[in-house]
Amino acid sequence: MKMTPADRRWAAAVKERDGWSCRVCHLYFPPGWTGDLHAHHIFTRGRGWTRTDPENGVSLCMEHHDWAHAHPMGFQGWIEQELGSDAYIALRRRSLYVERPA
């Protein structure tokens, strides 16, 4: 899937919200640094309602981004704990079009 300008704005918003740090290991990447800080979708960007919703993203260093893709169940368990069950479930519902976004 091609990165759009909206995707790039989403990624920048996620990284800024997370203080330019990996949410798992807290490794810091100064703004503008071309290092490996990635904005990772919690629920796939193919789900339209939440594709560009910053709540559907988390900043991860390259190591933890690789981990999230290699161990999707482990990532989902971690992010549910990180967000809290209620917020996780609400985000999941929005991503599945069960609830209309506000």
PDB file of N, CA and C in Angstrom:
ATOM      1  N   MET A   1       0.846  -1.170   0.000  1.00  0.00           N
ATOM      2  CA  MET A   1       0.000   0.000   0.000  1.00  0.00           C
ATOM      3  C   MET A   1       0.897   1.240   0.000  1.00  0.00           C
ATOM      4  N   LYS A   2       0.596   2.171  -0.877  1.00  0.00           N
ATOM      5  CA  LYS A   2       1.407   3.369  -1.039  1.00  0.00           C
ATOM      6  C   LYS A   2       1.185   4.354   0.120  1.00  0.00           C
ATOM      7  N   MET A   3       2.288   4.993   0.539  1.00  0.00           N
ATOM      8  CA  MET A   3       2.210   6.036   1.573  1.00  0.00           C
ATOM      9  C   MET A   3       1.681   7.316   0.946  1.00  0.00           C
ATOM     10  N   THR A   4       0.638   7.857   1.522  1.00  0.00           N
ATOM     11  CA  THR A   4       0.047   9.104   1.051  1.00  0.00           C
ATOM     12  C   THR A   4       0.527  10.254   1.931  1.00  0.00           C
ATOM     13  N   PRO A   5       0.287  11.496   1.523  1.00  0.00           N
ATOM     14  CA  PRO A   5       0.605  12.622   2.413  1.00  0.00           C
ATOM     15  C   PRO A   5      -0.114  12.504   3.759  1.00  0.00           C
ATOM     16  N   ALA A   6      -1.341  11.992   3.752  1.00  0.00           N
ATOM     17  CA  ALA A   6      -2.079  11.801   5.009  1.00  0.00           C
ATOM     18  C   ALA A   6      -1.373  10.772   5.894  1.00  0.00           C
ATOM     19  N   ASP A   7      -0.820   9.718   5.281  1.00  0.00           N
ATOM     20  CA  ASP A   7      -0.068   8.714   6.048  1.00  0.00           C
ATOM     21  C   ASP A   7       1.172   9.339   6.687  1.00  0.00           C
ATOM     22  N   ARG A   8       1.854  10.196   5.947  1.00  0.00           N
ATOM     23  CA  ARG A   8       3.052  10.846   6.493  1.00  0.00           C
ATOM     24  C   ARG A   8       2.696  11.796   7.632  1.00  0.00           C
ATOM     25  N   ARG A   9       1.582  12.515   7.503  1.00  0.00           N
ATOM     26  CA  ARG A   9       1.136  13.388   8.600  1.00  0.00           C
ATOM     27  C   ARG A   9       0.770  12.551   9.820  1.00  0.00           C
ATOM     28  N   TRP A  10       0.118  11.415   9.587  1.00  0.00           N
ATOM     29  CA  TRP A  10      -0.250  10.512  10.675  1.00  0.00           C
ATOM     30  C   TRP A  10       1.007  10.026  11.406  1.00  0.00           C
ATOM     31  N   ALA A  11       2.001   9.590  10.654  1.00  0.00           N
ATOM     32  CA  ALA A  11       3.238   9.084  11.254  1.00  0.00           C
ATOM     33  C   ALA A  11       3.917  10.170  12.086  1.00  0.00           C
ATOM     34  N   ALA A  12       3.982  11.382  11.569  1.00  0.00           N
ATOM     35  CA  ALA A  12       4.602  12.481  12.317  1.00  0.00           C
ATOM     36  C   ALA A  12       3.818  12.780  13.591  1.00  0.00           C
ATOM     37  N   ALA A  13       2.484  12.743  13.517  1.00  0.00           N
ATOM     38  CA  ALA A  13       1.654  13.010  14.703  1.00  0.00           C
ATOM     39  C   ALA A  13       1.859  11.938  15.767  1.00  0.00           C
ATOM     40  N   VAL A  14       1.961  10.678  15.355  1.00  0.00           N
ATOM     41  CA  VAL A  14       2.176   9.572  16.307  1.00  0.00           C
ATOM     42  C   VAL A  14       3.529   9.735  16.993  1.00  0.00           C
ATOM     43  N   LYS A  15       4.569  10.003  16.213  1.00  0.00           N
ATOM     44  CA  LYS A  15       5.914  10.151  16.781  1.00  0.00           C
ATOM     45  C   LYS A  15       5.987  11.354  17.717  1.00  0.00           C
ATOM     46  N   GLU A  16       5.373  12.444  17.334  1.00  0.00           N
ATOM     47  CA  GLU A  16       5.375  13.630  18.198  1.00  0.00           C
ATOM     48  C   GLU A  16       4.628  13.355  19.500  1.00  0.00           C
ATOM     49  N   ARG A  17       3.453  12.724  19.401  1.00  0.00           N
ATOM     50  CA  ARG A  17       2.679  12.387  20.603  1.00  0.00           C
ATOM     51  C   ARG A  17       3.492  11.503  21.554  1.00  0.00           C
ATOM     52  N   ASP A  18       4.269  10.585  20.995  1.00  0.00           N
ATOM     53  CA  ASP A  18       5.060   9.657  21.806  1.00  0.00           C
ATOM     54  C   ASP A  18       6.419  10.223  22.202  1.00  0.00           C
ATOM     55  N   GLY A  19       6.604  11.517  21.974  1.00  0.00           N
ATOM     56  CA  GLY A  19       7.841  12.165  22.401  1.00  0.00           C
ATOM     57  C   GLY A  19       9.062  11.690  21.643  1.00  0.00           C
ATOM     58  N   TRP A  20       8.857  11.255  20.387  1.00  0.00           N
ATOM     59  CA  TRP A  20       9.962  10.800  19.535  1.00  0.00           C
ATOM     60  C   TRP A  20      10.738   9.648  20.173  1.00  0.00           C
ATOM     61  N   SER A  21       9.996   8.780  20.895  1.00  0.00           N
ATOM     62  CA  SER A  21      10.602   7.645  21.592  1.00  0.00           C
ATOM     63  C   SER A  21       9.827   6.370  21.303  1.00  0.00           C
ATOM     64  N   CYS A  22      10.540   5.253  21.320  1.00  0.00           N
ATOM     65  CA  CYS A  22       9.912   3.941  21.215  1.00  0.00           C
ATOM     66  C   CYS A  22       9.065   3.718  22.460  1.00  0.00           C
ATOM     67  N   ARG A  23       7.815   3.310  22.293  1.00  0.00           N
ATOM     68  CA  ARG A  23       6.926   3.104  23.432  1.00  0.00           C
ATOM     69  C   ARG A  23       7.286   1.847  24.219  1.00  0.00           C
ATOM     70  N   VAL A  24       8.093   0.966  23.646  1.00  0.00           N
ATOM     71  CA  VAL A  24       8.484  -0.250  24.364  1.00  0.00           C
ATOM     72  C   VAL A  24       9.756  -0.019  25.171  1.00  0.00           C
ATOM     73  N   CYS A  25      10.827   0.399  24.517  1.00  0.00           N
ATOM     74  CA  CYS A  25      12.130   0.523  25.199  1.00  0.00           C
ATOM     75  C   CYS A  25      12.498   1.966  25.546  1.00  0.00           C
ATOM     76  N   HIS A  26      11.687   2.925  25.086  1.00  0.00           N
ATOM     77  CA  HIS A  26      11.865   4.351  25.387  1.00  0.00           C
ATOM     78  C   HIS A  26      13.122   4.962  24.769  1.00  0.00           C
ATOM     79  N   LEU A  27      13.695   4.300  23.768  1.00  0.00           N
ATOM     80  CA  LEU A  27      14.832   4.860  23.051  1.00  0.00           C
ATOM     81  C   LEU A  27      14.370   6.134  22.346  1.00  0.00           C
ATOM     82  N   TYR A  28      15.122   7.216  22.510  1.00  0.00           N
ATOM     83  CA  TYR A  28      14.748   8.531  21.987  1.00  0.00           C
ATOM     84  C   TYR A  28      15.396   8.789  20.629  1.00  0.00           C
ATOM     85  N   PHE A  29      14.625   9.340  19.715  1.00  0.00           N
ATOM     86  CA  PHE A  29      15.082   9.731  18.375  1.00  0.00           C
ATOM     87  C   PHE A  29      14.747  11.208  18.213  1.00  0.00           C
ATOM     88  N   PRO A  30      15.739  12.101  18.212  1.00  0.00           N
ATOM     89  CA  PRO A  30      15.440  13.537  18.090  1.00  0.00           C
ATOM     90  C   PRO A  30      14.628  13.837  16.836  1.00  0.00           C
ATOM     91  N   PRO A  31      13.676  14.781  16.922  1.00  0.00           N
ATOM     92  CA  PRO A  31      12.897  15.151  15.733  1.00  0.00           C
ATOM     93  C   PRO A  31      13.833  15.517  14.575  1.00  0.00           C
ATOM     94  N   GLY A  32      13.490  15.046  13.402  1.00  0.00           N
ATOM     95  CA  GLY A  32      14.318  15.304  12.226  1.00  0.00           C
ATOM     96  C   GLY A  32      15.399  14.263  12.005  1.00  0.00           C
ATOM     97  N   TRP A  33      15.680  13.451  13.015  1.00  0.00           N
ATOM     98  CA  TRP A  33      16.669  12.382  12.900  1.00  0.00           C
ATOM     99  C   TRP A  33      16.176  11.373  11.884  1.00  0.00           C
ATOM    100  N   THR A  34      17.047  10.906  11.041  1.00  0.00           N
ATOM    101  CA  THR A  34      16.645   9.952  10.011  1.00  0.00           C
ATOM    102  C   THR A  34      16.809   8.517  10.486  1.00  0.00           C
ATOM    103  N   GLY A  35      16.903   8.315  11.788  1.00  0.00           N
ATOM    104  CA  GLY A  35      17.070   6.977  12.348  1.00  0.00           C
ATOM    105  C   GLY A  35      15.811   6.149  12.239  1.00  0.00           C
ATOM    106  N   ASP A  36      15.808   5.044  12.916  1.00  0.00           N
ATOM    107  CA  ASP A  36      14.769   4.045  12.744  1.00  0.00           C
ATOM    108  C   ASP A  36      13.661   4.114  13.789  1.00  0.00           C
ATOM    109  N   LEU A  37      12.955   5.219  13.864  1.00  0.00           N
ATOM    110  CA  LEU A  37      11.736   5.289  14.665  1.00  0.00           C
ATOM    111  C   LEU A  37      10.574   5.177  13.689  1.00  0.00           C
ATOM    112  N   HIS A  38       9.708   4.215  13.923  1.00  0.00           N
ATOM    113  CA  HIS A  38       8.607   3.934  13.008  1.00  0.00           C
ATOM    114  C   HIS A  38       7.278   4.180  13.709  1.00  0.00           C
ATOM    115  N   ALA A  39       6.314   4.678  12.968  1.00  0.00           N
ATOM    116  CA  ALA A  39       4.936   4.755  13.447  1.00  0.00           C
ATOM    117  C   ALA A  39       4.250   3.483  12.960  1.00  0.00           C
ATOM    118  N   HIS A  40       3.807   2.674  13.898  1.00  0.00           N
ATOM    119  CA  HIS A  40       3.224   1.362  13.592  1.00  0.00           C
ATOM    120  C   HIS A  40       1.729   1.405  13.860  1.00  0.00           C
ATOM    121  N   HIS A  41       0.937   0.935  12.895  1.00  0.00           N
ATOM    122  CA  HIS A  41      -0.506   0.855  13.099  1.00  0.00           C
ATOM    123  C   HIS A  41      -0.826  -0.266  14.082  1.00  0.00           C
ATOM    124  N   ILE A  42      -1.664   0.034  15.040  1.00  0.00           N
ATOM    125  CA  ILE A  42      -2.125  -0.982  15.986  1.00  0.00           C
ATOM    126  C   ILE A  42      -3.053  -1.946  15.249  1.00  0.00           C
ATOM    127  N   PHE A  43      -4.025  -1.384  14.548  1.00  0.00           N
ATOM    128  CA  PHE A  43      -4.890  -2.163  13.664  1.00  0.00           C
ATOM    129  C   PHE A  43      -4.562  -1.731  12.234  1.00  0.00           C
ATOM    130  N   THR A  44      -4.430  -2.667  11.347  1.00  0.00           N
ATOM    131  CA  THR A  44      -3.940  -2.439   9.999  1.00  0.00           C
ATOM    132  C   THR A  44      -4.484  -1.163   9.345  1.00  0.00           C
ATOM    133  N   ARG A  45      -3.632  -0.528   8.573  1.00  0.00           N
ATOM    134  CA  ARG A  45      -4.036   0.717   7.920  1.00  0.00           C
ATOM    135  C   ARG A  45      -5.057   0.469   6.823  1.00  0.00           C
ATOM    136  N   GLY A  46      -5.320  -0.779   6.497  1.00  0.00           N
ATOM    137  CA  GLY A  46      -6.367  -1.113   5.545  1.00  0.00           C
ATOM    138  C   GLY A  46      -7.766  -0.872   6.086  1.00  0.00           C
ATOM    139  N   ARG A  47      -7.871  -0.675   7.392  1.00  0.00           N
ATOM    140  CA  ARG A  47      -9.167  -0.376   8.009  1.00  0.00           C
ATOM    141  C   ARG A  47      -9.377   1.134   7.951  1.00  0.00           C
ATOM    142  N   GLY A  48     -10.271   1.544   7.095  1.00  0.00           N
ATOM    143  CA  GLY A  48     -10.434   2.948   6.747  1.00  0.00           C
ATOM    144  C   GLY A  48     -10.688   3.947   7.861  1.00  0.00           C
ATOM    145  N   TRP A  49     -11.568   3.639   8.815  1.00  0.00           N
ATOM    146  CA  TRP A  49     -11.912   4.626   9.841  1.00  0.00           C
ATOM    147  C   TRP A  49     -10.708   5.038  10.665  1.00  0.00           C
ATOM    148  N   THR A  50      -9.780   4.135  10.883  1.00  0.00           N
ATOM    149  CA  THR A  50      -8.673   4.434  11.800  1.00  0.00           C
ATOM    150  C   THR A  50      -7.312   4.533  11.111  1.00  0.00           C
ATOM    151  N   ARG A  51      -7.302   4.515   9.786  1.00  0.00           N
ATOM    152  CA  ARG A  51      -6.017   4.557   9.073  1.00  0.00           C
ATOM    153  C   ARG A  51      -5.178   5.765   9.480  1.00  0.00           C
ATOM    154  N   THR A  52      -5.780   6.934   9.576  1.00  0.00           N
ATOM    155  CA  THR A  52      -5.030   8.144   9.906  1.00  0.00           C
ATOM    156  C   THR A  52      -5.373   8.686  11.288  1.00  0.00           C
ATOM    157  N   ASP A  53      -5.922   7.845  12.132  1.00  0.00           N
ATOM    158  CA  ASP A  53      -6.236   8.214  13.511  1.00  0.00           C
ATOM    159  C   ASP A  53      -4.980   7.990  14.362  1.00  0.00           C
ATOM    160  N   PRO A  54      -4.395   9.042  14.926  1.00  0.00           N
ATOM    161  CA  PRO A  54      -3.183   8.854  15.736  1.00  0.00           C
ATOM    162  C   PRO A  54      -3.364   7.879  16.904  1.00  0.00           C
ATOM    163  N   GLU A  55      -4.594   7.706  17.377  1.00  0.00           N
ATOM    164  CA  GLU A  55      -4.821   6.727  18.446  1.00  0.00           C
ATOM    165  C   GLU A  55      -4.558   5.311  17.958  1.00  0.00           C
ATOM    166  N   ASN A  56      -4.568   5.104  16.646  1.00  0.00           N
ATOM    167  CA  ASN A  56      -4.306   3.792  16.070  1.00  0.00           C
ATOM    168  C   ASN A  56      -2.833   3.626  15.704  1.00  0.00           C
ATOM    169  N   GLY A  57      -1.978   4.338  16.382  1.00  0.00           N
ATOM    170  CA  GLY A  57      -0.556   4.225  16.096  1.00  0.00           C
ATOM    171  C   GLY A  57       0.276   4.218  17.356  1.00  0.00           C
ATOM    172  N   VAL A  58       1.456   3.682  17.220  1.00  0.00           N
ATOM    173  CA  VAL A  58       2.413   3.631  18.315  1.00  0.00           C
ATOM    174  C   VAL A  58       3.811   3.759  17.703  1.00  0.00           C
ATOM    175  N   SER A  59       4.677   4.521  18.354  1.00  0.00           N
ATOM    176  CA  SER A  59       6.052   4.688  17.884  1.00  0.00           C
ATOM    177  C   SER A  59       6.900   3.526  18.372  1.00  0.00           C
ATOM    178  N   LEU A  60       7.628   2.907  17.437  1.00  0.00           N
ATOM    179  CA  LEU A  60       8.485   1.769  17.769  1.00  0.00           C
ATOM    180  C   LEU A  60       9.834   1.928  17.084  1.00  0.00           C
ATOM    181  N   CYS A  61      10.900   1.570  17.808  1.00  0.00           N
ATOM    182  CA  CYS A  61      12.215   1.502  17.188  1.00  0.00           C
ATOM    183  C   CYS A  61      12.205   0.328  16.212  1.00  0.00           C
ATOM    184  N   MET A  62      13.210   0.236  15.372  1.00  0.00           N
ATOM    185  CA  MET A  62      13.270  -0.820  14.362  1.00  0.00           C
ATOM    186  C   MET A  62      13.165  -2.206  15.003  1.00  0.00           C
ATOM    187  N   GLU A  63      13.886  -2.411  16.099  1.00  0.00           N
ATOM    188  CA  GLU A  63      13.853  -3.722  16.767  1.00  0.00           C
ATOM    189  C   GLU A  63      12.450  -4.096  17.213  1.00  0.00           C
ATOM    190  N   HIS A  64      11.743  -3.143  17.837  1.00  0.00           N
ATOM    191  CA  HIS A  64      10.403  -3.446  18.329  1.00  0.00           C
ATOM    192  C   HIS A  64       9.361  -3.443  17.214  1.00  0.00           C
ATOM    193  N   HIS A  65       9.607  -2.717  16.140  1.00  0.00           N
ATOM    194  CA  HIS A  65       8.720  -2.784  14.973  1.00  0.00           C
ATOM    195  C   HIS A  65       8.821  -4.176  14.351  1.00  0.00           C
ATOM    196  N   ASP A  66      10.046  -4.682  14.225  1.00  0.00           N
ATOM    197  CA  ASP A  66      10.231  -6.047  13.723  1.00  0.00           C
ATOM    198  C   ASP A  66       9.535  -7.052  14.636  1.00  0.00           C
ATOM    199  N   TRP A  67       9.674  -6.858  15.954  1.00  0.00           N
ATOM    200  CA  TRP A  67       9.013  -7.736  16.929  1.00  0.00           C
ATOM    201  C   TRP A  67       7.500  -7.715  16.740  1.00  0.00           C
ATOM    202  N   ALA A  68       6.914  -6.529  16.561  1.00  0.00           N
ATOM    203  CA  ALA A  68       5.459  -6.398  16.411  1.00  0.00           C
ATOM    204  C   ALA A  68       4.968  -7.201  15.205  1.00  0.00           C
ATOM    205  N   HIS A  69       5.733  -7.174  14.114  1.00  0.00           N
ATOM    206  CA  HIS A  69       5.332  -7.932  12.919  1.00  0.00           C
ATOM    207  C   HIS A  69       5.596  -9.426  13.076  1.00  0.00           C
ATOM    208  N   ALA A  70       6.672  -9.787  13.749  1.00  0.00           N
ATOM    209  CA  ALA A  70       7.019 -11.204  13.914  1.00  0.00           C
ATOM    210  C   ALA A  70       6.135 -11.897  14.952  1.00  0.00           C
ATOM    211  N   HIS A  71       5.623 -11.112  15.909  1.00  0.00           N
ATOM    212  CA  HIS A  71       4.831 -11.685  17.011  1.00  0.00           C
ATOM    213  C   HIS A  71       3.547 -10.872  17.203  1.00  0.00           C
ATOM    214  N   PRO A  72       2.627 -10.934  16.234  1.00  0.00           N
ATOM    215  CA  PRO A  72       1.431 -10.086  16.302  1.00  0.00           C
ATOM    216  C   PRO A  72       0.576 -10.316  17.544  1.00  0.00           C
ATOM    217  N   MET A  73       0.484 -11.551  18.012  1.00  0.00           N
ATOM    218  CA  MET A  73      -0.314 -11.812  19.225  1.00  0.00           C
ATOM    219  C   MET A  73       0.362 -11.200  20.451  1.00  0.00           C
ATOM    220  N   GLY A  74       1.677 -11.325  20.534  1.00  0.00           N
ATOM    221  CA  GLY A  74       2.404 -10.702  21.635  1.00  0.00           C
ATOM    222  C   GLY A  74       2.273  -9.191  21.605  1.00  0.00           C
ATOM    223  N   PHE A  75       2.355  -8.599  20.397  1.00  0.00           N
ATOM    224  CA  PHE A  75       2.183  -7.155  20.265  1.00  0.00           C
ATOM    225  C   PHE A  75       0.788  -6.740  20.698  1.00  0.00           C
ATOM    226  N   GLN A  76      -0.235  -7.465  20.246  1.00  0.00           N
ATOM    227  CA  GLN A  76      -1.605  -7.096  20.605  1.00  0.00           C
ATOM    228  C   GLN A  76      -1.821  -7.189  22.118  1.00  0.00           C
ATOM    229  N   GLY A  77      -1.247  -8.196  22.760  1.00  0.00           N
ATOM    230  CA  GLY A  77      -1.346  -8.292  24.223  1.00  0.00           C
ATOM    231  C   GLY A  77      -0.653  -7.127  24.904  1.00  0.00           C
ATOM    232  N   TRP A  78       0.535  -6.769  24.404  1.00  0.00           N
ATOM    233  CA  TRP A  78       1.273  -5.649  24.988  1.00  0.00           C
ATOM    234  C   TRP A  78       0.513  -4.346  24.807  1.00  0.00           C
ATOM    235  N   ILE A  79      -0.002  -4.090  23.591  1.00  0.00           N
ATOM    236  CA  ILE A  79      -0.660  -2.813  23.338  1.00  0.00           C
ATOM    237  C   ILE A  79      -1.974  -2.718  24.096  1.00  0.00           C
ATOM    238  N   GLU A  80      -2.671  -3.829  24.282  1.00  0.00           N
ATOM    239  CA  GLU A  80      -3.900  -3.794  25.089  1.00  0.00           C
ATOM    240  C   GLU A  80      -3.573  -3.399  26.525  1.00  0.00           C
ATOM    241  N   GLN A  81      -2.490  -3.916  27.052  1.00  0.00           N
ATOM    242  CA  GLN A  81      -2.044  -3.557  28.397  1.00  0.00           C
ATOM    243  C   GLN A  81      -1.592  -2.097  28.438  1.00  0.00           C
ATOM    244  N   GLU A  82      -0.882  -1.659  27.399  1.00  0.00           N
ATOM    245  CA  GLU A  82      -0.365  -0.295  27.319  1.00  0.00           C
ATOM    246  C   GLU A  82      -1.501   0.734  27.268  1.00  0.00           C
ATOM    247  N   LEU A  83      -2.528   0.447  26.473  1.00  0.00           N
ATOM    248  CA  LEU A  83      -3.650   1.379  26.305  1.00  0.00           C
ATOM    249  C   LEU A  83      -4.706   1.235  27.393  1.00  0.00           C
ATOM    250  N   GLY A  84      -4.814   0.044  27.947  1.00  0.00           N
ATOM    251  CA  GLY A  84      -5.920  -0.288  28.842  1.00  0.00           C
ATOM    252  C   GLY A  84      -6.989  -0.994  28.018  1.00  0.00           C
ATOM    253  N   SER A  85      -7.647  -1.966  28.610  1.00  0.00           N
ATOM    254  CA  SER A  85      -8.609  -2.788  27.871  1.00  0.00           C
ATOM    255  C   SER A  85      -9.738  -1.977  27.253  1.00  0.00           C
ATOM    256  N   ASP A  86     -10.295  -1.021  27.995  1.00  0.00           N
ATOM    257  CA  ASP A  86     -11.420  -0.245  27.465  1.00  0.00           C
ATOM    258  C   ASP A  86     -11.017   0.549  26.227  1.00  0.00           C
ATOM    259  N   ALA A  87      -9.879   1.233  26.285  1.00  0.00           N
ATOM    260  CA  ALA A  87      -9.417   2.017  25.137  1.00  0.00           C
ATOM    261  C   ALA A  87      -9.074   1.107  23.959  1.00  0.00           C
ATOM    262  N   TYR A  88      -8.469  -0.035  24.232  1.00  0.00           N
ATOM    263  CA  TYR A  88      -8.118  -0.985  23.193  1.00  0.00           C
ATOM    264  C   TYR A  88      -9.374  -1.493  22.479  1.00  0.00           C
ATOM    265  N   ILE A  89     -10.375  -1.876  23.255  1.00  0.00           N
ATOM    266  CA  ILE A  89     -11.622  -2.393  22.675  1.00  0.00           C
ATOM    267  C   ILE A  89     -12.337  -1.313  21.869  1.00  0.00           C
ATOM    268  N   ALA A  90     -12.369  -0.089  22.383  1.00  0.00           N
ATOM    269  CA  ALA A  90     -13.010   1.008  21.656  1.00  0.00           C
ATOM    270  C   ALA A  90     -12.299   1.274  20.330  1.00  0.00           C
ATOM    271  N   LEU A  91     -10.970   1.265  20.344  1.00  0.00           N
ATOM    272  CA  LEU A  91     -10.203   1.467  19.116  1.00  0.00           C
ATOM    273  C   LEU A  91     -10.462   0.329  18.138  1.00  0.00           C
ATOM    274  N   ARG A  92     -10.483  -0.877  18.625  1.00  0.00           N
ATOM    275  CA  ARG A  92     -10.751  -2.039  17.764  1.00  0.00           C
ATOM    276  C   ARG A  92     -12.115  -1.913  17.114  1.00  0.00           C
ATOM    277  N   ARG A  93     -13.116  -1.529  17.893  1.00  0.00           N
ATOM    278  CA  ARG A  93     -14.473  -1.358  17.341  1.00  0.00           C
ATOM    279  C   ARG A  93     -14.490  -0.285  16.256  1.00  0.00           C
ATOM    280  N   ARG A  94     -13.816   0.832  16.526  1.00  0.00           N
ATOM    281  CA  ARG A  94     -13.758   1.893  15.513  1.00  0.00           C
ATOM    282  C   ARG A  94     -13.090   1.380  14.241  1.00  0.00           C
ATOM    283  N   SER A  95     -12.040   0.583  14.410  1.00  0.00           N
ATOM    284  CA  SER A  95     -11.306   0.089  13.243  1.00  0.00           C
ATOM    285  C   SER A  95     -12.148  -0.890  12.421  1.00  0.00           C
ATOM    286  N   LEU A  96     -13.095  -1.536  13.059  1.00  0.00           N
ATOM    287  CA  LEU A  96     -13.946  -2.504  12.373  1.00  0.00           C
ATOM    288  C   LEU A  96     -15.265  -1.895  11.901  1.00  0.00           C
ATOM    289  N   TYR A  97     -15.403  -0.587  12.014  1.00  0.00           N
ATOM    290  CA  TYR A  97     -16.603   0.139  11.587  1.00  0.00           C
ATOM    291  C   TYR A  97     -17.817  -0.165  12.464  1.00  0.00           C
ATOM    292  N   VAL A  98     -17.598  -0.699  13.659  1.00  0.00           N
ATOM    293  CA  VAL A  98     -18.719  -0.998  14.551  1.00  0.00           C
ATOM    294  C   VAL A  98     -19.269   0.303  15.139  1.00  0.00           C
ATOM    295  N   GLU A  99     -18.393   1.232  15.430  1.00  0.00           N
ATOM    296  CA  GLU A  99     -18.799   2.532  15.950  1.00  0.00           C
ATOM    297  C   GLU A  99     -18.404   3.589  14.938  1.00  0.00           C
ATOM    298  N   ARG A 100     -19.247   4.579  14.788  1.00  0.00           N
ATOM    299  CA  ARG A 100     -18.870   5.700  13.927  1.00  0.00           C
ATOM    300  C   ARG A 100     -17.891   6.567  14.672  1.00  0.00           C
ATOM    301  N   PRO A 101     -16.823   7.002  14.012  1.00  0.00           N
ATOM    302  CA  PRO A 101     -15.866   7.889  14.691  1.00  0.00           C
ATOM    303  C   PRO A 101     -16.516   9.211  15.047  1.00  0.00           C
ATOM    304  N   ALA A 102     -16.044   9.802  16.137  1.00  0.00           N
ATOM    305  CA  ALA A 102     -16.615  11.077  16.592  1.00  0.00           C
ATOM    306  C   ALA A 102     -16.265  12.199  15.655  1.00  0.00           C
TER     307      ALA A 102
END
